[in-house]
Each structure stands twice: as structure tokens, then as C-alpha cells.
Amino acid sequence: MKKEKLLYNKERQDHFFALLRSEANDIVAKTSSKHRNEIVFKAFLFPALYFSCWIVAMLYGAETSAILFTGYFAMGLLVVVNYLNVVHDAVHNTIFKSRRLNELYVYLFDIMGANSFIWKTRHVLFHHNYPNVNGWDTDIDQSALVKIVPRAPASKLHKYQHIYLPFIYPLFLFNWLLIRDFKDFFSRQRIVHKKINIPFIEYVKLFLFKSLFFTYMIVLPVFVFHIAWKKVLLAFVLMIFTASIAALTVLLPPHANTGSEFPEPDENRRLPYDWFIHMLKTTSDVNGENWFTRFVLGNFNYHIVHHLFPNIHHTYYPQITEKLKRISIENNLPYRSYSIGTSLRMHYQLLKNNSSDFNIWEEDM
């Protein structure tokens, strides 16, 4: 199967990026011992909290509904926390020096319901290489319900997407776990098939881990821990809704807003900007830093530096971002940062701007 690719503009701003890379490497070299304990501590803490919540919910959920629902609610939040602090860094091989150990940690995502193989493909090969490029960035993949890219084809439903999508967003994880993963595996029209052929063993893992997830989340609570099935299903829905809302709150601001560009390749498959400027034009940071964003949310708000240095752990991002800001101000580079509220409003405005002009009641001729 012939694999496709895009090219970046040859007029590169390498001297700016080379300067930033030098400063980033210097920060890592000087502060690695300071960050090492935190990196390893978080890698064990957050998975342990997730499974502890499940154990407590199983042991006491049959007797006390509040414990069951609280446990599943906490697990929903911890799915996102583990993604931001553990799975995401493991897939970029930044937690442990051992590549194999990082790869084993990525399976945590499978245990939590999402297929890690297909997500790694989507995230590393497509999203990181081609952010905000229609037909290449899997995070902005078009559908009949959602239009993120301004110049993408519109459907009749898109006219109302800014109205109905906020009510559909809580189903984000349902779609990911039960629909999107399977489409990526079995539909040859999906973006992921532009670059990979999926090994047979990954199909086996897909069904194995999906079965494991629904077994410990729904089957075991009912048949082993004797919790009423209606309560288990309600708790599971609560978990999925919680994880969906938390995930989208941190995933939407960096790219899908009116401040970001959506570059298009020309007839020669060449993008308009060089790689460095492309990352700045398509990605934005989120204002505000505190203990919670650093320790619990994995410095998600420093997203530009992550795209520039995905092989550096997130604990270094605040210091590197300060260097990026300075270089950007001195050289008039398009660095952007918004508050979380502004970012979400800009996302809503993007949905509204991309609304179709179709009359939903008009017949096609």
C-alpha cells in the first residue's frame, strides 16, 4: 500500500527554533534531577488512584449508592488525569528511560477503554505532524455532525452545530470507545489508513481490551459484587459523561478556536508555512498556571511547547514556554495564549462561524 505525505514550506525559520531548542535542552540538562522524582511519582500515583476508586466502589457500592456513584465519578476524572500525566507522556517515551517500559504504560489507556494503538497512530503520526490540516489531523476529522475546518464541505446539519454540539459533547467518550476506535480499524476511508497497515494482533487486542473494560466496569459489579444493574449502568454513564466533559475542556482550547489557522496544502502537497511557524499558527496556550494545572492537569495549558518538543516531559514546559515567549516577542512570532473561558468561547464561535447556509427544509434538486 502506497503511503501518502505532505511537505512543509522550504522557507524555514530554523534559526529561531534552533535557539529555542538549545535553551530547552539546557533547561532539561540543568533541572532533570529536580523533576525526576515528580515524574515517577505521578506515573504510579494516578493509576493507583484510578484502581483504588474502583475497588472502593466495588466493596461498598452495593450497600451505599453514594459511594458507588462517587467512585465512578472520580474514575471519570481520573481517566483524564491519567491521560494528561501518564499515557500522553508514555506514548512520547518521556516518563522512563526504557522505551519498553513506556510502551507498557501506554496499555493503561486500553485498560481504561480506549485503544492505545490507534490513538498513538492518530496522535503521533497525524495530529503532531499535521495539526489543523483537514484530511490529515485526526483530531479535526470532519463528520456529518461536526464542521471544524472553515473551508471544509458543509452538511445541512452544520447550520445548527453550535446549538446541538454542546449537548452532544458529553457523549464524546461513548463515541470514542464504541464507534470511533472500530471505524478506524475497519473503515479503509479513515485517515489513519493513509500511513499504516494495522497488524492482525492489534485487532485481537482491540476486542480483548474492550471486553476487559466493560467486564470490570459493568459485568463484575453486577455478577460478582452484587450491585443492582440499574445502579451500575447509571454510574457508568456518570463516569463517561464526567470524563467526556473534562477531556473536552482541556482538548478543545489549543487548536479548535477562531484564533488558530487551518492551513491547506497546495497542488504539490506543500503546506504554506515551515514546520515551526505552522505549529505557532495552529496551536495556542491557555493562560494561568498553578499547582493544579501543573501537578494534576499535566501542564496541558503549555500546548505549543509540547508540539515543538514532544520528546520532553510536560514538567519542563513552563520554563521552556518562558523562553518561547521571549523569542516570540523579540522576533514578532505568532505566539498566542488565551484564558480557558476565552478559548472555549472562541471554540463556540468557530462552530457558529462554520455553520452551513443550507435551509434544512429545502429539498435537494
Protein backbone atom coordinates (compact mmCIF):
# COMPACT_ATOMS: atom_id res chain seq x y z
CA MET A 1 0.00 0.00 0.00
CA LYS A 2 1.47 3.37 -1.04
CA LYS A 3 1.63 5.81 1.84
CA GLU A 4 0.87 9.50 1.42
CA LYS A 5 2.67 12.50 2.89
CA LEU A 6 2.62 16.29 2.99
CA LEU A 7 5.57 18.67 2.78
CA TYR A 8 6.25 21.86 4.70
CA ASN A 9 7.36 25.10 3.07
CA LYS A 10 11.13 25.21 2.46
CA GLU A 11 11.43 28.81 3.68
CA ARG A 12 12.10 27.74 7.24
CA GLN A 13 12.66 29.76 10.39
CA ASP A 14 15.26 27.27 11.63
CA HIS A 15 17.37 29.85 13.41
CA PHE A 16 14.53 30.73 15.82
CA PHE A 17 13.69 27.12 16.52
CA ALA A 18 17.37 26.18 16.87
CA LEU A 19 17.78 28.90 19.50
CA LEU A 20 14.72 27.70 21.40
CA ARG A 21 15.80 24.06 21.15
CA SER A 22 19.21 24.94 22.57
CA GLU A 23 17.60 26.70 25.53
CA ALA A 24 15.12 23.83 26.05
CA ASN A 25 17.92 21.26 26.10
CA ASP A 26 19.80 23.43 28.59
CA ILE A 27 16.75 23.57 30.88
CA VAL A 28 16.34 19.80 30.78
CA ALA A 29 20.02 19.20 31.49
CA LYS A 30 20.08 21.58 34.46
CA THR A 31 16.78 20.60 36.09
CA SER A 32 16.34 16.89 35.28
CA SER A 33 17.23 15.75 38.80
CA LYS A 34 14.69 18.19 40.22
CA HIS A 35 11.85 16.84 38.03
CA ARG A 36 12.74 13.14 38.07
CA ASN A 37 11.03 12.25 41.36
CA GLU A 38 7.82 14.06 40.40
CA ILE A 39 7.70 12.32 37.00
CA VAL A 40 7.99 8.84 38.51
CA PHE A 41 5.72 9.65 41.46
CA LYS A 42 2.88 10.78 39.18
CA ALA A 43 3.35 7.72 36.96
CA PHE A 44 2.47 5.50 39.91
CA LEU A 45 0.11 7.78 41.86
CA PHE A 46 -2.60 8.45 39.28
CA PRO A 47 -3.08 4.85 38.04
CA ALA A 48 -3.19 3.74 41.68
CA LEU A 49 -5.90 6.30 42.48
CA TYR A 50 -7.99 5.13 39.50
CA PHE A 51 -7.92 1.48 40.52
CA SER A 52 -8.39 2.37 44.21
CA CYS A 53 -11.63 4.17 43.33
CA TRP A 54 -12.83 1.06 41.51
CA ILE A 55 -12.00 -1.19 44.46
CA VAL A 56 -13.79 1.06 46.96
CA ALA A 57 -16.82 1.34 44.66
CA MET A 58 -16.98 -2.47 44.35
CA LEU A 59 -16.57 -3.20 48.06
CA TYR A 60 -19.10 -0.67 49.31
CA GLY A 61 -21.23 0.19 46.29
CA ALA A 62 -23.86 -2.49 46.91
CA GLU A 63 -24.61 -1.06 50.35
CA THR A 64 -24.14 2.64 49.69
CA SER A 65 -25.14 4.15 46.35
CA ALA A 66 -23.32 7.40 47.15
CA ILE A 67 -20.00 5.53 47.33
CA LEU A 68 -20.69 3.77 44.01
CA PHE A 69 -21.55 6.99 42.18
CA THR A 70 -18.71 8.93 43.80
CA GLY A 71 -16.27 6.19 42.84
CA TYR A 72 -17.36 6.16 39.19
CA PHE A 73 -17.42 9.96 39.06
CA ALA A 74 -13.85 10.06 40.39
CA MET A 75 -12.80 7.41 37.88
CA GLY A 76 -14.18 9.59 35.09
CA LEU A 77 -11.98 12.46 36.22
CA LEU A 78 -9.01 10.16 36.73
CA VAL A 79 -9.27 8.80 33.19
CA VAL A 80 -8.47 12.33 32.00
CA VAL A 81 -5.83 12.92 34.68
CA ASN A 82 -4.08 9.67 33.75
CA TYR A 83 -4.25 10.60 30.09
CA LEU A 84 -2.68 14.01 30.70
CA ASN A 85 0.01 12.88 33.14
CA VAL A 86 0.82 9.28 32.26
CA VAL A 87 -0.50 7.90 28.95
CA HIS A 88 0.27 11.01 26.91
CA ASP A 89 3.85 11.22 28.13
CA ALA A 90 4.38 7.46 27.87
CA VAL A 91 3.36 7.47 24.20
CA HIS A 92 6.07 10.09 23.62
CA ASN A 93 8.57 7.99 25.64
CA THR A 94 9.26 10.72 28.19
CA ILE A 95 8.45 9.05 31.52
CA PHE A 96 11.07 6.31 31.70
CA LYS A 97 14.44 5.91 30.03
CA SER A 98 13.34 2.44 28.95
CA ARG A 99 11.28 2.61 25.75
CA ARG A 100 9.73 -0.76 26.57
CA LEU A 101 8.55 0.46 29.98
CA ASN A 102 6.92 3.48 28.36
CA GLU A 103 5.20 1.20 25.85
CA LEU A 104 3.84 -0.97 28.66
CA TYR A 105 2.43 2.09 30.41
CA VAL A 106 0.52 3.07 27.27
CA TYR A 107 -1.58 -0.09 27.78
CA LEU A 108 -3.12 1.74 30.71
CA PHE A 109 -5.23 3.50 28.09
CA ASP A 110 -6.52 0.16 26.78
CA ILE A 111 -7.47 -0.89 30.30
CA MET A 112 -9.43 2.36 30.58
CA GLY A 113 -11.39 1.58 27.42
CA ALA A 114 -9.59 3.40 24.58
CA ASN A 115 -7.48 1.56 22.02
CA SER A 116 -3.89 2.74 22.51
CA PHE A 117 -2.57 1.51 19.17
CA ILE A 118 -4.99 3.52 17.08
CA TRP A 119 -4.78 6.53 19.39
CA LYS A 120 -0.98 6.52 19.18
CA THR A 121 -1.24 6.42 15.39
CA ARG A 122 -3.75 9.27 15.34
CA HIS A 123 -1.84 11.36 17.85
CA VAL A 124 1.80 10.88 16.85
CA LEU A 125 1.66 10.29 13.09
CA PHE A 126 -1.18 12.64 12.20
CA HIS A 127 -2.04 15.20 14.87
CA HIS A 128 1.57 16.04 15.73
CA ASN A 129 2.78 16.06 12.15
CA TYR A 130 -0.15 17.97 10.64
CA PRO A 131 -2.13 19.90 13.28
CA ASN A 132 -5.26 21.59 11.90
CA VAL A 133 -4.73 20.28 8.37
CA ASN A 134 -8.01 18.98 7.02
CA GLY A 135 -7.83 15.34 5.97
CA TRP A 136 -4.61 14.78 7.93
CA ASP A 137 -5.19 15.87 11.52
CA THR A 138 -7.40 13.17 13.01
CA ASP A 139 -8.41 15.47 15.88
CA ILE A 140 -10.42 17.67 13.48
CA ASP A 141 -11.81 14.85 11.35
CA GLN A 142 -14.97 16.04 9.61
CA SER A 143 -18.33 14.34 10.06
CA ALA A 144 -21.97 14.92 9.21
CA LEU A 145 -22.42 16.42 12.68
CA VAL A 146 -19.26 18.49 13.11
CA LYS A 147 -17.51 21.03 10.90
CA ILE A 148 -14.30 22.36 12.47
CA VAL A 149 -12.35 23.41 9.37
CA PRO A 150 -13.77 26.64 7.85
CA ARG A 151 -13.22 25.64 4.19
CA ALA A 152 -14.37 22.04 4.59
CA PRO A 153 -17.59 20.88 2.90
CA ALA A 154 -20.74 21.63 4.88
CA SER A 155 -23.77 19.47 5.54
CA LYS A 156 -27.28 20.70 6.26
CA LEU A 157 -26.91 19.85 9.93
CA HIS A 158 -23.84 22.05 10.34
CA LYS A 159 -26.09 25.11 10.29
CA TYR A 160 -27.19 24.17 13.80
CA GLN A 161 -23.96 22.65 15.14
CA HIS A 162 -23.32 25.49 17.59
CA ILE A 163 -26.74 24.70 19.11
CA TYR A 164 -26.69 20.92 19.35
CA LEU A 165 -22.99 20.12 19.80
CA PRO A 166 -22.74 21.38 23.41
CA PHE A 167 -25.44 18.81 24.25
CA ILE A 168 -23.66 16.05 22.30
CA TYR A 169 -20.20 16.69 23.75
CA PRO A 170 -20.95 14.68 26.93
CA LEU A 171 -21.20 11.65 24.61
CA PHE A 172 -17.63 12.20 23.37
CA LEU A 173 -16.20 9.18 25.19
CA PHE A 174 -19.13 6.96 24.22
CA ASN A 175 -18.32 7.72 20.60
CA TRP A 176 -14.59 7.16 21.15
CA LEU A 177 -14.95 3.81 22.92
CA LEU A 178 -17.84 2.28 20.97
CA ILE A 179 -17.67 3.83 17.50
CA ARG A 180 -14.51 5.75 16.61
CA ASP A 181 -11.99 3.05 17.52
CA PHE A 182 -13.84 0.47 15.46
CA LYS A 183 -14.24 2.81 12.47
CA ASP A 184 -10.50 3.49 12.50
CA PHE A 185 -9.80 -0.24 12.43
CA PHE A 186 -12.36 -1.38 9.89
CA SER A 187 -13.03 1.54 7.54
CA ARG A 188 -10.39 1.99 4.84
CA GLN A 189 -11.63 5.55 4.29
CA ARG A 190 -10.40 6.67 7.70
CA ILE A 191 -7.38 8.99 7.87
CA VAL A 192 -5.21 6.52 9.81
CA HIS A 193 -5.02 4.20 6.79
CA LYS A 194 -3.05 6.84 4.86
CA LYS A 195 0.11 5.85 6.71
CA ILE A 196 -0.32 2.44 8.34
CA ASN A 197 -1.36 -1.15 7.80
CA ILE A 198 -2.85 -2.50 11.02
CA PRO A 199 -1.26 -5.79 12.18
CA PHE A 200 -3.62 -8.66 12.95
CA ILE A 201 -2.53 -8.79 16.59
CA GLU A 202 -3.89 -5.27 17.08
CA TYR A 203 -7.36 -6.44 16.05
CA VAL A 204 -7.10 -9.12 18.73
CA LYS A 205 -6.02 -6.55 21.32
CA LEU A 206 -8.88 -4.27 20.30
CA PHE A 207 -11.56 -6.81 21.22
CA LEU A 208 -9.62 -8.22 24.18
CA PHE A 209 -9.20 -4.90 25.97
CA LYS A 210 -12.67 -3.62 25.09
CA SER A 211 -14.08 -6.79 26.65
CA LEU A 212 -11.88 -6.36 29.71
CA PHE A 213 -13.02 -2.75 30.19
CA PHE A 214 -16.75 -3.49 30.01
CA THR A 215 -16.26 -6.59 32.15
CA TYR A 216 -14.76 -4.78 35.13
CA MET A 217 -16.93 -1.69 34.69
CA ILE A 218 -20.32 -3.40 34.23
CA VAL A 219 -20.26 -7.22 34.41
CA LEU A 220 -18.20 -7.77 37.59
CA PRO A 221 -20.08 -5.17 39.66
CA VAL A 222 -23.38 -6.93 38.87
CA PHE A 223 -22.44 -10.60 38.98
CA VAL A 224 -19.56 -10.66 41.46
CA PHE A 225 -20.19 -7.71 43.77
CA HIS A 226 -23.99 -7.98 43.54
CA ILE A 227 -24.66 -4.33 42.78
CA ALA A 228 -28.01 -3.67 41.09
CA TRP A 229 -27.51 -3.49 37.33
CA LYS A 230 -29.53 -0.27 37.02
CA LYS A 231 -27.22 1.45 39.51
CA VAL A 232 -24.14 0.13 37.71
CA LEU A 233 -25.34 1.40 34.33
CA LEU A 234 -26.22 4.79 35.80
CA ALA A 235 -22.82 5.01 37.48
CA PHE A 236 -21.12 4.04 34.21
CA VAL A 237 -23.00 6.75 32.31
CA LEU A 238 -21.98 9.24 35.00
CA MET A 239 -18.35 8.22 34.57
CA ILE A 240 -18.47 8.59 30.77
CA PHE A 241 -20.20 11.99 30.95
CA THR A 242 -17.67 13.23 33.52
CA ALA A 243 -14.67 12.03 31.51
CA SER A 244 -16.10 13.47 28.28
CA ILE A 245 -16.68 16.95 29.67
CA ALA A 246 -13.32 17.03 31.48
CA ALA A 247 -11.48 15.78 28.39
CA LEU A 248 -13.04 18.29 26.00
CA THR A 249 -12.41 21.16 28.41
CA VAL A 250 -8.67 20.56 28.08
CA LEU A 251 -8.55 19.21 24.49
CA LEU A 252 -10.60 21.84 22.62
CA PRO A 253 -8.80 25.13 23.54
CA PRO A 254 -5.33 24.55 21.99
CA HIS A 255 -6.42 24.07 18.34
CA ALA A 256 -10.15 24.33 17.64
CA ASN A 257 -10.78 28.05 18.06
CA THR A 258 -11.12 31.16 15.91
CA GLY A 259 -7.58 32.28 16.71
CA SER A 260 -5.99 29.24 15.07
CA GLU A 261 -5.35 28.81 11.37
CA PHE A 262 -6.28 25.75 9.33
CA PRO A 263 -3.60 25.69 6.58
CA GLU A 264 -4.25 23.89 3.32
CA PRO A 265 -1.64 22.18 1.12
CA ASP A 266 -1.25 23.28 -2.49
CA GLU A 267 -1.48 21.06 -5.58
CA ASN A 268 2.04 19.78 -4.83
CA ARG A 269 1.05 18.71 -1.30
CA ARG A 270 3.13 21.52 0.19
CA LEU A 271 1.84 23.48 3.19
CA PRO A 272 2.13 27.30 3.22
CA TYR A 273 4.37 27.60 6.31
CA ASP A 274 7.54 25.98 7.55
CA TRP A 275 7.14 23.45 10.36
CA PHE A 276 7.96 25.83 13.23
CA ILE A 277 5.62 28.63 12.11
CA HIS A 278 2.91 26.08 11.32
CA MET A 279 2.94 24.94 14.96
CA LEU A 280 2.62 28.52 16.18
CA LYS A 281 -0.16 29.36 13.72
CA THR A 282 -2.25 26.30 14.56
CA THR A 283 -1.70 25.98 18.32
CA SER A 284 -2.35 28.23 21.30
CA ASP A 285 -1.64 28.09 25.01
CA VAL A 286 -4.05 28.60 27.90
CA ASN A 287 -3.32 31.37 30.41
CA GLY A 288 -2.85 30.64 34.05
CA GLU A 289 -0.52 28.41 35.99
CA ASN A 290 -0.94 27.00 39.47
CA TRP A 291 -0.33 23.80 41.40
CA PHE A 292 -3.48 22.20 39.99
CA THR A 293 -2.64 22.82 36.32
CA ARG A 294 0.96 21.71 36.88
CA PHE A 295 0.53 18.63 39.02
CA VAL A 296 -2.99 17.38 38.29
CA LEU A 297 -3.58 18.54 34.72
CA GLY A 298 -0.09 17.83 33.45
CA ASN A 299 0.67 21.37 32.23
CA PHE A 300 -1.90 20.93 29.47
CA ASN A 301 -2.03 24.72 29.11
CA TYR A 302 1.52 24.81 27.67
CA HIS A 303 0.49 23.13 24.46
CA ILE A 304 2.70 24.91 21.93
CA VAL A 305 5.90 23.72 23.58
CA HIS A 306 4.51 20.21 23.60
CA HIS A 307 4.11 20.34 19.82
CA LEU A 308 7.59 21.76 19.41
CA PHE A 309 9.22 19.29 21.82
CA PRO A 310 7.02 16.19 22.17
CA ASN A 311 10.05 14.22 23.36
CA ILE A 312 10.37 16.37 26.50
CA HIS A 313 8.25 15.62 29.58
CA HIS A 314 5.49 18.08 30.47
CA THR A 315 7.08 19.05 33.81
CA TYR A 316 9.62 21.16 31.87
CA TYR A 317 7.05 23.08 29.81
CA PRO A 318 6.59 26.20 31.99
CA GLN A 319 10.29 27.10 31.85
CA ILE A 320 10.59 26.38 28.12
CA THR A 321 7.45 28.40 27.41
CA GLU A 322 9.02 31.45 29.05
CA LYS A 323 11.87 31.16 26.56
CA LEU A 324 9.39 30.75 23.69
CA LYS A 325 7.51 33.89 24.78
CA ARG A 326 10.72 35.92 24.91
CA ILE A 327 11.88 34.75 21.46
CA SER A 328 8.41 35.40 20.03
CA ILE A 329 8.24 38.96 21.39
CA GLU A 330 11.75 39.78 20.20
CA ASN A 331 11.13 38.42 16.70
CA ASN A 332 7.43 39.15 16.20
CA LEU A 333 6.48 35.46 16.06
CA PRO A 334 2.77 34.48 16.29
CA TYR A 335 2.70 33.09 19.83
CA ARG A 336 -0.85 33.11 21.26
CA SER A 337 -2.32 32.43 24.69
CA TYR A 338 -5.90 32.84 25.95
CA SER A 339 -7.78 32.22 29.16
CA ILE A 340 -9.72 28.95 29.37
CA GLY A 341 -13.01 30.85 29.21
CA THR A 342 -11.92 32.84 26.16
CA SER A 343 -10.65 29.69 24.44
CA LEU A 344 -13.96 27.89 24.93
CA ARG A 345 -15.91 30.92 23.72
CA MET A 346 -13.66 31.07 20.66
CA HIS A 347 -14.37 27.39 20.04
CA TYR A 348 -18.10 28.07 20.20
CA GLN A 349 -17.65 31.00 17.81
CA LEU A 350 -15.74 28.73 15.43
CA LEU A 351 -18.66 26.30 15.39
CA LYS A 352 -21.04 29.18 14.75
CA ASN A 353 -18.86 30.68 12.01
CA ASN A 354 -18.68 27.30 10.27
CA SER A 355 -22.43 26.87 10.22
CA SER A 356 -23.91 25.89 6.88
CA ASP A 357 -26.13 28.27 4.92
CA PHE A 358 -28.38 25.39 3.87
CA ASN A 359 -32.09 25.51 4.54
CA ILE A 360 -32.69 22.21 6.33
CA TRP A 361 -36.24 22.04 4.94
CA GLU A 362 -35.24 22.65 1.34
CA GLU A 363 -35.21 19.60 -0.93
CA ASP A 364 -32.11 18.76 -2.96
CA MET A 365 -32.68 19.03 -6.71
